Structures are given as C-alpha cells and as structure tokens.
C-alpha cells in the first residue's frame, strides 16, 4: 500500500506503536522513515541523525517481519555484522554481540546457523542484532509475529530496558493491542493515511 498522507515527527526517546490492518501502509511508512524508500511527494529529513547515506547501520536499525538473517553466517556473526560495518574492532564487536544475545537468552545458540533456528528464535536474533549497534532509532515491522505471548512480552521488556538505557526511539508496527498498550504513543494507519494521536 502506498502512502497517501503521512505527517509525523519522531523525537529522541519516543516509543511509538504503529497500528493498522494488513495492507494499510505500515511497512511502507517504516521503510520511508528509515530511508529505504524515498517519498514521491513531500520531504523527509533526519536533522539529528545526519545524511541519508549514514543512517544505517550507524543510527537506524531495522527489525523486519520476514527472516532477515544472513544464511552463511552464524548467529553471533549475524549480530556482530552491523558493528563490523561501523568499523568496530573484531574483539569488541564479538563482545557486544554476545552481550546482546545474552539479553535475549539466545547466547547458547551463538554458533548455530540460521537454518538451524526456529522462526521465533531467528526473530529474537534479529532483535539482538538491532540492539547490538546501540542505534538512535529502531524501526520494527511486526517483530513478535512468530512469538508466543510470554516470549513476546519478554522480548518487549528487553527492548524497553535497552531503550531506556540508551535513550533511543522506537516505532513498532503491530496488530497486537496488548503490545500496543505498552507504548506511550500510538499512530494509526488506514488506507495509506497516518493519524497521530494528539496531532
């Protein structure tokens, strides 16, 4: 679904649930916010984060709805990849990657390949990868879709703890009203149009 109308602002520390039915434009909005797609009309800017070419992996991390791990790399290598792209030395990158995996109780799978993981495990590794680089903005597209409720709540607890520590902002697309209730702000998408509460 293309965006028809979307005016919004994300500030440091914002915690936003992006809600709406399937096909309403949530994924497209996240891609525009992260610089993966450019709007055909209107403008988007990242005054705190800098130029578009430096958004990823330096300042923005994505957690995609679909599997996004690099198949030939082990779990820990997937998590440390953004750090290595930011020229973090290999020892520090490995340490930070393992710390992120431990946060999500996934460290015991560090040397497994993605094909050896369940869908839920792979999604938790993707979350660990997003946290490892300590981004200023996390954009997550249905990150708990393959998780049971206890695991989903644990993952959200971990995300919020990390965000509260770093001051990063997050926008999470979700169909789950129970998860959405945990967020300070709620945005609603319907047929490509964005409604921001309080706007």
C-alpha atoms as a PDB file:
ATOM      1  CA  UNK A   1       0.000   0.000   0.000  1.00  0.00           C
ATOM      2  CA  UNK A   2       1.365   3.407  -0.999  1.00  0.00           C
ATOM      3  CA  UNK A   3       1.286   6.258   1.478  1.00  0.00           C
ATOM      4  CA  UNK A   4      -1.421   8.793   0.758  1.00  0.00           C
ATOM      5  CA  UNK A   5      -0.841  11.193   3.639  1.00  0.00           C
ATOM      6  CA  UNK A   6       1.694  10.977   6.443  1.00  0.00           C
ATOM      7  CA  UNK A   7       2.967  13.829   8.555  1.00  0.00           C
ATOM      8  CA  UNK A   8       4.906  12.896  11.663  1.00  0.00           C
ATOM      9  CA  UNK A   9       7.906  13.611  13.840  1.00  0.00           C
ATOM     10  CA  UNK A  10       9.988  11.244  15.953  1.00  0.00           C
ATOM     11  CA  UNK A  11      11.916  12.669  18.862  1.00  0.00           C
ATOM     12  CA  UNK A  12      14.688  11.041  20.916  1.00  0.00           C
ATOM     13  CA  UNK A  13      13.208   8.557  23.362  1.00  0.00           C
ATOM     14  CA  UNK A  14       9.798   8.318  21.667  1.00  0.00           C
ATOM     15  CA  UNK A  15       8.161   4.898  21.968  1.00  0.00           C
ATOM     16  CA  UNK A  16       5.521   4.557  19.265  1.00  0.00           C
ATOM     17  CA  UNK A  17       3.137   1.745  18.352  1.00  0.00           C
ATOM     18  CA  UNK A  18       2.128   1.885  14.683  1.00  0.00           C
ATOM     19  CA  UNK A  19      -1.246   0.193  14.302  1.00  0.00           C
ATOM     20  CA  UNK A  20      -3.495  -0.619  11.372  1.00  0.00           C
ATOM     21  CA  UNK A  21      -4.853  -3.522   9.334  1.00  0.00           C
ATOM     22  CA  UNK A  22      -2.730  -5.520   6.914  1.00  0.00           C
ATOM     23  CA  UNK A  23      -2.142  -3.579   3.712  1.00  0.00           C
ATOM     24  CA  UNK A  24      -2.718  -0.194   5.342  1.00  0.00           C
ATOM     25  CA  UNK A  25       0.797   1.109   4.597  1.00  0.00           C
ATOM     26  CA  UNK A  26       2.616   0.420   7.880  1.00  0.00           C
ATOM     27  CA  UNK A  27       5.590  -1.315   6.268  1.00  0.00           C
ATOM     28  CA  UNK A  28       5.894   1.380   3.612  1.00  0.00           C
ATOM     29  CA  UNK A  29       5.929   4.088   6.264  1.00  0.00           C
ATOM     30  CA  UNK A  30       8.696   2.309   8.178  1.00  0.00           C
ATOM     31  CA  UNK A  31      10.765   1.990   5.008  1.00  0.00           C
ATOM     32  CA  UNK A  32      10.366   5.703   4.274  1.00  0.00           C
ATOM     33  CA  UNK A  33      11.231   6.627   7.864  1.00  0.00           C
ATOM     34  CA  UNK A  34      14.393   4.526   7.644  1.00  0.00           C
ATOM     35  CA  UNK A  35      15.484   5.856   4.271  1.00  0.00           C
ATOM     36  CA  UNK A  36      14.947   2.577   2.411  1.00  0.00           C
ATOM     37  CA  UNK A  37      12.385   4.267   0.167  1.00  0.00           C
ATOM     38  CA  UNK A  38      12.090   7.888  -0.925  1.00  0.00           C
ATOM     39  CA  UNK A  39       8.722   9.659  -0.996  1.00  0.00           C
ATOM     40  CA  UNK A  40       7.494  10.638  -4.466  1.00  0.00           C
ATOM     41  CA  UNK A  41       5.984  13.762  -2.936  1.00  0.00           C
ATOM     42  CA  UNK A  42       6.871  15.688   0.189  1.00  0.00           C
ATOM     43  CA  UNK A  43      10.093  15.538   2.148  1.00  0.00           C
ATOM     44  CA  UNK A  44      11.700  13.560   4.942  1.00  0.00           C
ATOM     45  CA  UNK A  45      14.745  14.547   6.962  1.00  0.00           C
ATOM     46  CA  UNK A  46      16.816  13.280   9.859  1.00  0.00           C
ATOM     47  CA  UNK A  47      18.140  16.501  11.463  1.00  0.00           C
ATOM     48  CA  UNK A  48      19.650  14.702  14.461  1.00  0.00           C
ATOM     49  CA  UNK A  49      20.937  11.629  12.632  1.00  0.00           C
ATOM     50  CA  UNK A  50      22.626  13.300   9.673  1.00  0.00           C
ATOM     51  CA  UNK A  51      22.799  12.441   5.981  1.00  0.00           C
ATOM     52  CA  UNK A  52      20.812   9.570   4.465  1.00  0.00           C
ATOM     53  CA  UNK A  53      23.964   7.643   3.495  1.00  0.00           C
ATOM     54  CA  UNK A  54      24.920   7.319   7.162  1.00  0.00           C
ATOM     55  CA  UNK A  55      21.581   6.244   8.592  1.00  0.00           C
ATOM     56  CA  UNK A  56      22.318   2.516   8.505  1.00  0.00           C
ATOM     57  CA  UNK A  57      23.875   0.800  10.295  1.00  0.00           C
ATOM     58  CA  UNK A  58      25.119   3.811  12.235  1.00  0.00           C
ATOM     59  CA  UNK A  59      21.914   5.384  13.546  1.00  0.00           C
ATOM     60  CA  UNK A  60      18.896   3.324  12.471  1.00  0.00           C
ATOM     61  CA  UNK A  61      18.282  -0.391  12.953  1.00  0.00           C
ATOM     62  CA  UNK A  62      15.506  -2.405  11.332  1.00  0.00           C
ATOM     63  CA  UNK A  63      13.740  -5.477  12.663  1.00  0.00           C
ATOM     64  CA  UNK A  64      11.925  -6.928   9.665  1.00  0.00           C
ATOM     65  CA  UNK A  65       8.786  -9.039   9.675  1.00  0.00           C
ATOM     66  CA  UNK A  66      10.312 -11.629   7.365  1.00  0.00           C
ATOM     67  CA  UNK A  67      13.517 -13.596   8.088  1.00  0.00           C
ATOM     68  CA  UNK A  68      16.489 -11.308   7.591  1.00  0.00           C
ATOM     69  CA  UNK A  69      19.499 -13.239   8.877  1.00  0.00           C
ATOM     70  CA  UNK A  70      22.418 -13.855   6.516  1.00  0.00           C
ATOM     71  CA  UNK A  71      22.312 -17.607   5.848  1.00  0.00           C
ATOM     72  CA  UNK A  72      26.067 -18.423   5.681  1.00  0.00           C
ATOM     73  CA  UNK A  73      26.818 -16.580   8.943  1.00  0.00           C
ATOM     74  CA  UNK A  74      26.396 -17.991  12.428  1.00  0.00           C
ATOM     75  CA  UNK A  75      24.060 -16.358  14.912  1.00  0.00           C
ATOM     76  CA  UNK A  76      26.826 -14.351  16.607  1.00  0.00           C
ATOM     77  CA  UNK A  77      28.290 -13.357  13.226  1.00  0.00           C
ATOM     78  CA  UNK A  78      24.881 -12.054  12.157  1.00  0.00           C
ATOM     79  CA  UNK A  79      24.590  -9.982  15.322  1.00  0.00           C
ATOM     80  CA  UNK A  80      28.092  -8.529  15.065  1.00  0.00           C
ATOM     81  CA  UNK A  81      27.814  -7.720  11.350  1.00  0.00           C
ATOM     82  CA  UNK A  82      26.464  -4.146  11.772  1.00  0.00           C
ATOM     83  CA  UNK A  83      29.203  -3.457  14.319  1.00  0.00           C
ATOM     84  CA  UNK A  84      31.907  -4.595  11.905  1.00  0.00           C
ATOM     85  CA  UNK A  85      30.369  -2.402   9.197  1.00  0.00           C
ATOM     86  CA  UNK A  86      30.787   0.510  11.627  1.00  0.00           C
ATOM     87  CA  UNK A  87      34.498  -0.371  11.876  1.00  0.00           C
ATOM     88  CA  UNK A  88      34.262  -1.721  15.422  1.00  0.00           C
ATOM     89  CA  UNK A  89      37.285  -3.891  16.122  1.00  0.00           C
ATOM     90  CA  UNK A  90      36.578  -7.610  15.912  1.00  0.00           C
ATOM     91  CA  UNK A  91      37.082  -8.354  19.615  1.00  0.00           C
ATOM     92  CA  UNK A  92      34.750  -5.565  20.765  1.00  0.00           C
ATOM     93  CA  UNK A  93      32.173  -6.485  18.107  1.00  0.00           C
ATOM     94  CA  UNK A  94      32.117 -10.088  19.309  1.00  0.00           C
ATOM     95  CA  UNK A  95      31.771  -8.992  22.946  1.00  0.00           C
ATOM     96  CA  UNK A  96      28.891  -6.618  22.167  1.00  0.00           C
ATOM     97  CA  UNK A  97      27.186  -9.236  20.021  1.00  0.00           C
ATOM     98  CA  UNK A  98      27.360 -11.835  22.778  1.00  0.00           C
ATOM     99  CA  UNK A  99      26.040  -9.311  25.305  1.00  0.00           C
ATOM    100  CA  UNK A 100      23.058  -8.589  23.055  1.00  0.00           C
ATOM    101  CA  UNK A 101      22.375 -12.306  22.649  1.00  0.00           C
ATOM    102  CA  UNK A 102      22.565 -12.815  26.410  1.00  0.00           C
ATOM    103  CA  UNK A 103      19.983 -10.061  26.912  1.00  0.00           C
ATOM    104  CA  UNK A 104      17.537 -12.182  24.908  1.00  0.00           C
ATOM    105  CA  UNK A 105      18.658 -15.541  26.308  1.00  0.00           C
ATOM    106  CA  UNK A 106      19.985 -16.560  22.899  1.00  0.00           C
ATOM    107  CA  UNK A 107      23.711 -16.832  23.706  1.00  0.00           C
ATOM    108  CA  UNK A 108      23.567 -20.629  23.778  1.00  0.00           C
ATOM    109  CA  UNK A 109      22.759 -20.577  20.043  1.00  0.00           C
ATOM    110  CA  UNK A 110      25.646 -18.265  19.153  1.00  0.00           C
ATOM    111  CA  UNK A 111      27.374 -20.700  16.816  1.00  0.00           C
ATOM    112  CA  UNK A 112      24.272 -22.120  15.144  1.00  0.00           C
ATOM    113  CA  UNK A 113      23.393 -21.244  11.547  1.00  0.00           C
ATOM    114  CA  UNK A 114      20.070 -19.516  10.752  1.00  0.00           C
ATOM    115  CA  UNK A 115      18.745 -22.700   9.112  1.00  0.00           C
ATOM    116  CA  UNK A 116      19.066 -24.456  12.483  1.00  0.00           C
ATOM    117  CA  UNK A 117      16.784 -21.953  14.244  1.00  0.00           C
ATOM    118  CA  UNK A 118      13.024 -21.861  14.618  1.00  0.00           C
ATOM    119  CA  UNK A 119      11.204 -18.836  13.244  1.00  0.00           C
ATOM    120  CA  UNK A 120      10.816 -17.375  16.727  1.00  0.00           C
ATOM    121  CA  UNK A 121      14.490 -17.889  17.557  1.00  0.00           C
ATOM    122  CA  UNK A 122      15.547 -16.223  14.315  1.00  0.00           C
ATOM    123  CA  UNK A 123      13.351 -13.236  15.136  1.00  0.00           C
ATOM    124  CA  UNK A 124      14.937 -12.881  18.575  1.00  0.00           C
ATOM    125  CA  UNK A 125      18.387 -12.967  16.958  1.00  0.00           C
ATOM    126  CA  UNK A 126      17.251 -10.176  14.638  1.00  0.00           C
ATOM    127  CA  UNK A 127      16.263  -8.148  17.703  1.00  0.00           C
ATOM    128  CA  UNK A 128      19.662  -8.802  19.277  1.00  0.00           C
ATOM    129  CA  UNK A 129      21.318  -7.586  16.076  1.00  0.00           C
ATOM    130  CA  UNK A 130      19.264  -4.393  16.193  1.00  0.00           C
ATOM    131  CA  UNK A 131      20.239  -3.727  19.807  1.00  0.00           C
ATOM    132  CA  UNK A 132      23.939  -4.529  19.427  1.00  0.00           C
ATOM    133  CA  UNK A 133      24.762  -1.383  17.475  1.00  0.00           C
ATOM    134  CA  UNK A 134      23.059   0.884  20.027  1.00  0.00           C
ATOM    135  CA  UNK A 135      21.106   2.775  17.340  1.00  0.00           C
ATOM    136  CA  UNK A 136      19.277   6.022  17.968  1.00  0.00           C
ATOM    137  CA  UNK A 137      16.156   4.756  16.199  1.00  0.00           C
ATOM    138  CA  UNK A 138      14.744   1.237  15.875  1.00  0.00           C
ATOM    139  CA  UNK A 139      12.069   0.521  13.272  1.00  0.00           C
ATOM    140  CA  UNK A 140      10.355  -2.825  13.819  1.00  0.00           C
ATOM    141  CA  UNK A 141       7.820  -4.426  11.476  1.00  0.00           C
ATOM    142  CA  UNK A 142       5.666  -6.933  13.408  1.00  0.00           C
ATOM    143  CA  UNK A 143       8.685  -8.161  15.414  1.00  0.00           C
ATOM    144  CA  UNK A 144       6.654 -10.514  17.616  1.00  0.00           C
ATOM    145  CA  UNK A 145       4.561 -12.156  14.915  1.00  0.00           C
ATOM    146  CA  UNK A 146       6.194 -15.570  15.400  1.00  0.00           C
ATOM    147  CA  UNK A 147       6.452 -15.457  19.189  1.00  0.00           C
ATOM    148  CA  UNK A 148       4.109 -16.743  21.874  1.00  0.00           C
ATOM    149  CA  UNK A 149       2.856 -14.172  24.366  1.00  0.00           C
ATOM    150  CA  UNK A 150       5.322 -14.916  27.208  1.00  0.00           C
ATOM    151  CA  UNK A 151       8.270 -14.744  24.807  1.00  0.00           C
ATOM    152  CA  UNK A 152       6.871 -11.638  23.112  1.00  0.00           C
ATOM    153  CA  UNK A 153       6.479  -9.870  26.449  1.00  0.00           C
ATOM    154  CA  UNK A 154       9.992 -10.878  27.493  1.00  0.00           C
ATOM    155  CA  UNK A 155      11.374  -9.520  24.219  1.00  0.00           C
ATOM    156  CA  UNK A 156       9.485  -6.257  24.650  1.00  0.00           C
ATOM    157  CA  UNK A 157      10.772  -5.971  28.228  1.00  0.00           C
ATOM    158  CA  UNK A 158      14.304  -6.352  26.884  1.00  0.00           C
ATOM    159  CA  UNK A 159      13.713  -3.792  24.146  1.00  0.00           C
ATOM    160  CA  UNK A 160      12.296  -1.226  26.552  1.00  0.00           C
ATOM    161  CA  UNK A 161      15.138  -1.760  29.029  1.00  0.00           C
ATOM    162  CA  UNK A 162      17.680  -1.149  26.282  1.00  0.00           C
ATOM    163  CA  UNK A 163      15.825   1.905  25.005  1.00  0.00           C
ATOM    164  CA  UNK A 164      15.581   3.386  28.485  1.00  0.00           C
ATOM    165  CA  UNK A 165      19.331   2.911  28.871  1.00  0.00           C
ATOM    166  CA  UNK A 166      20.332   4.441  25.527  1.00  0.00           C
ATOM    167  CA  UNK A 167      17.554   6.999  25.034  1.00  0.00           C
ATOM    168  CA  UNK A 168      16.822   5.636  21.558  1.00  0.00           C
ATOM    169  CA  UNK A 169      13.442   5.987  19.886  1.00  0.00           C
ATOM    170  CA  UNK A 170      11.389   3.107  18.508  1.00  0.00           C
ATOM    171  CA  UNK A 171       8.474   2.663  16.121  1.00  0.00           C
ATOM    172  CA  UNK A 172       6.882  -0.799  16.189  1.00  0.00           C
ATOM    173  CA  UNK A 173       4.239  -1.886  13.699  1.00  0.00           C
ATOM    174  CA  UNK A 174       1.920  -4.305  15.475  1.00  0.00           C
ATOM    175  CA  UNK A 175      -1.529  -5.868  15.219  1.00  0.00           C
ATOM    176  CA  UNK A 176      -1.483  -6.811  18.897  1.00  0.00           C
ATOM    177  CA  UNK A 177      -3.437  -4.353  21.096  1.00  0.00           C
ATOM    178  CA  UNK A 178      -1.860  -5.850  24.232  1.00  0.00           C
ATOM    179  CA  UNK A 179       1.604  -4.971  22.937  1.00  0.00           C
ATOM    180  CA  UNK A 180       0.441  -1.564  21.672  1.00  0.00           C
ATOM    181  CA  UNK A 181      -0.809  -0.660  25.145  1.00  0.00           C
ATOM    182  CA  UNK A 182       2.769  -0.757  26.384  1.00  0.00           C
ATOM    183  CA  UNK A 183       3.725   2.228  24.229  1.00  0.00           C
ATOM    184  CA  UNK A 184       3.449   5.878  25.209  1.00  0.00           C
ATOM    185  CA  UNK A 185       2.306   6.946  21.743  1.00  0.00           C
ATOM    186  CA  UNK A 186       0.074   5.308  19.150  1.00  0.00           C
ATOM    187  CA  UNK A 187      -0.067   6.027  15.441  1.00  0.00           C
ATOM    188  CA  UNK A 188      -2.829   4.595  13.250  1.00  0.00           C
ATOM    189  CA  UNK A 189      -2.625   3.725   9.546  1.00  0.00           C
ATOM    190  CA  UNK A 190      -5.685   3.245   7.347  1.00  0.00           C
ATOM    191  CA  UNK A 191      -5.600   3.045   3.542  1.00  0.00           C
ATOM    192  CA  UNK A 192      -2.227   4.770   3.367  1.00  0.00           C
ATOM    193  CA  UNK A 193      -3.131   7.599   5.705  1.00  0.00           C
ATOM    194  CA  UNK A 194      -1.427   8.187   9.019  1.00  0.00           C
ATOM    195  CA  UNK A 195      -3.244   9.528  12.060  1.00  0.00           C
ATOM    196  CA  UNK A 196      -1.076  10.602  15.000  1.00  0.00           C
ATOM    197  CA  UNK A 197      -2.777  10.844  18.372  1.00  0.00           C
ATOM    198  CA  UNK A 198      -2.656  14.356  19.713  1.00  0.00           C
ATOM    199  CA  UNK A 199      -1.614  15.812  16.355  1.00  0.00           C
END
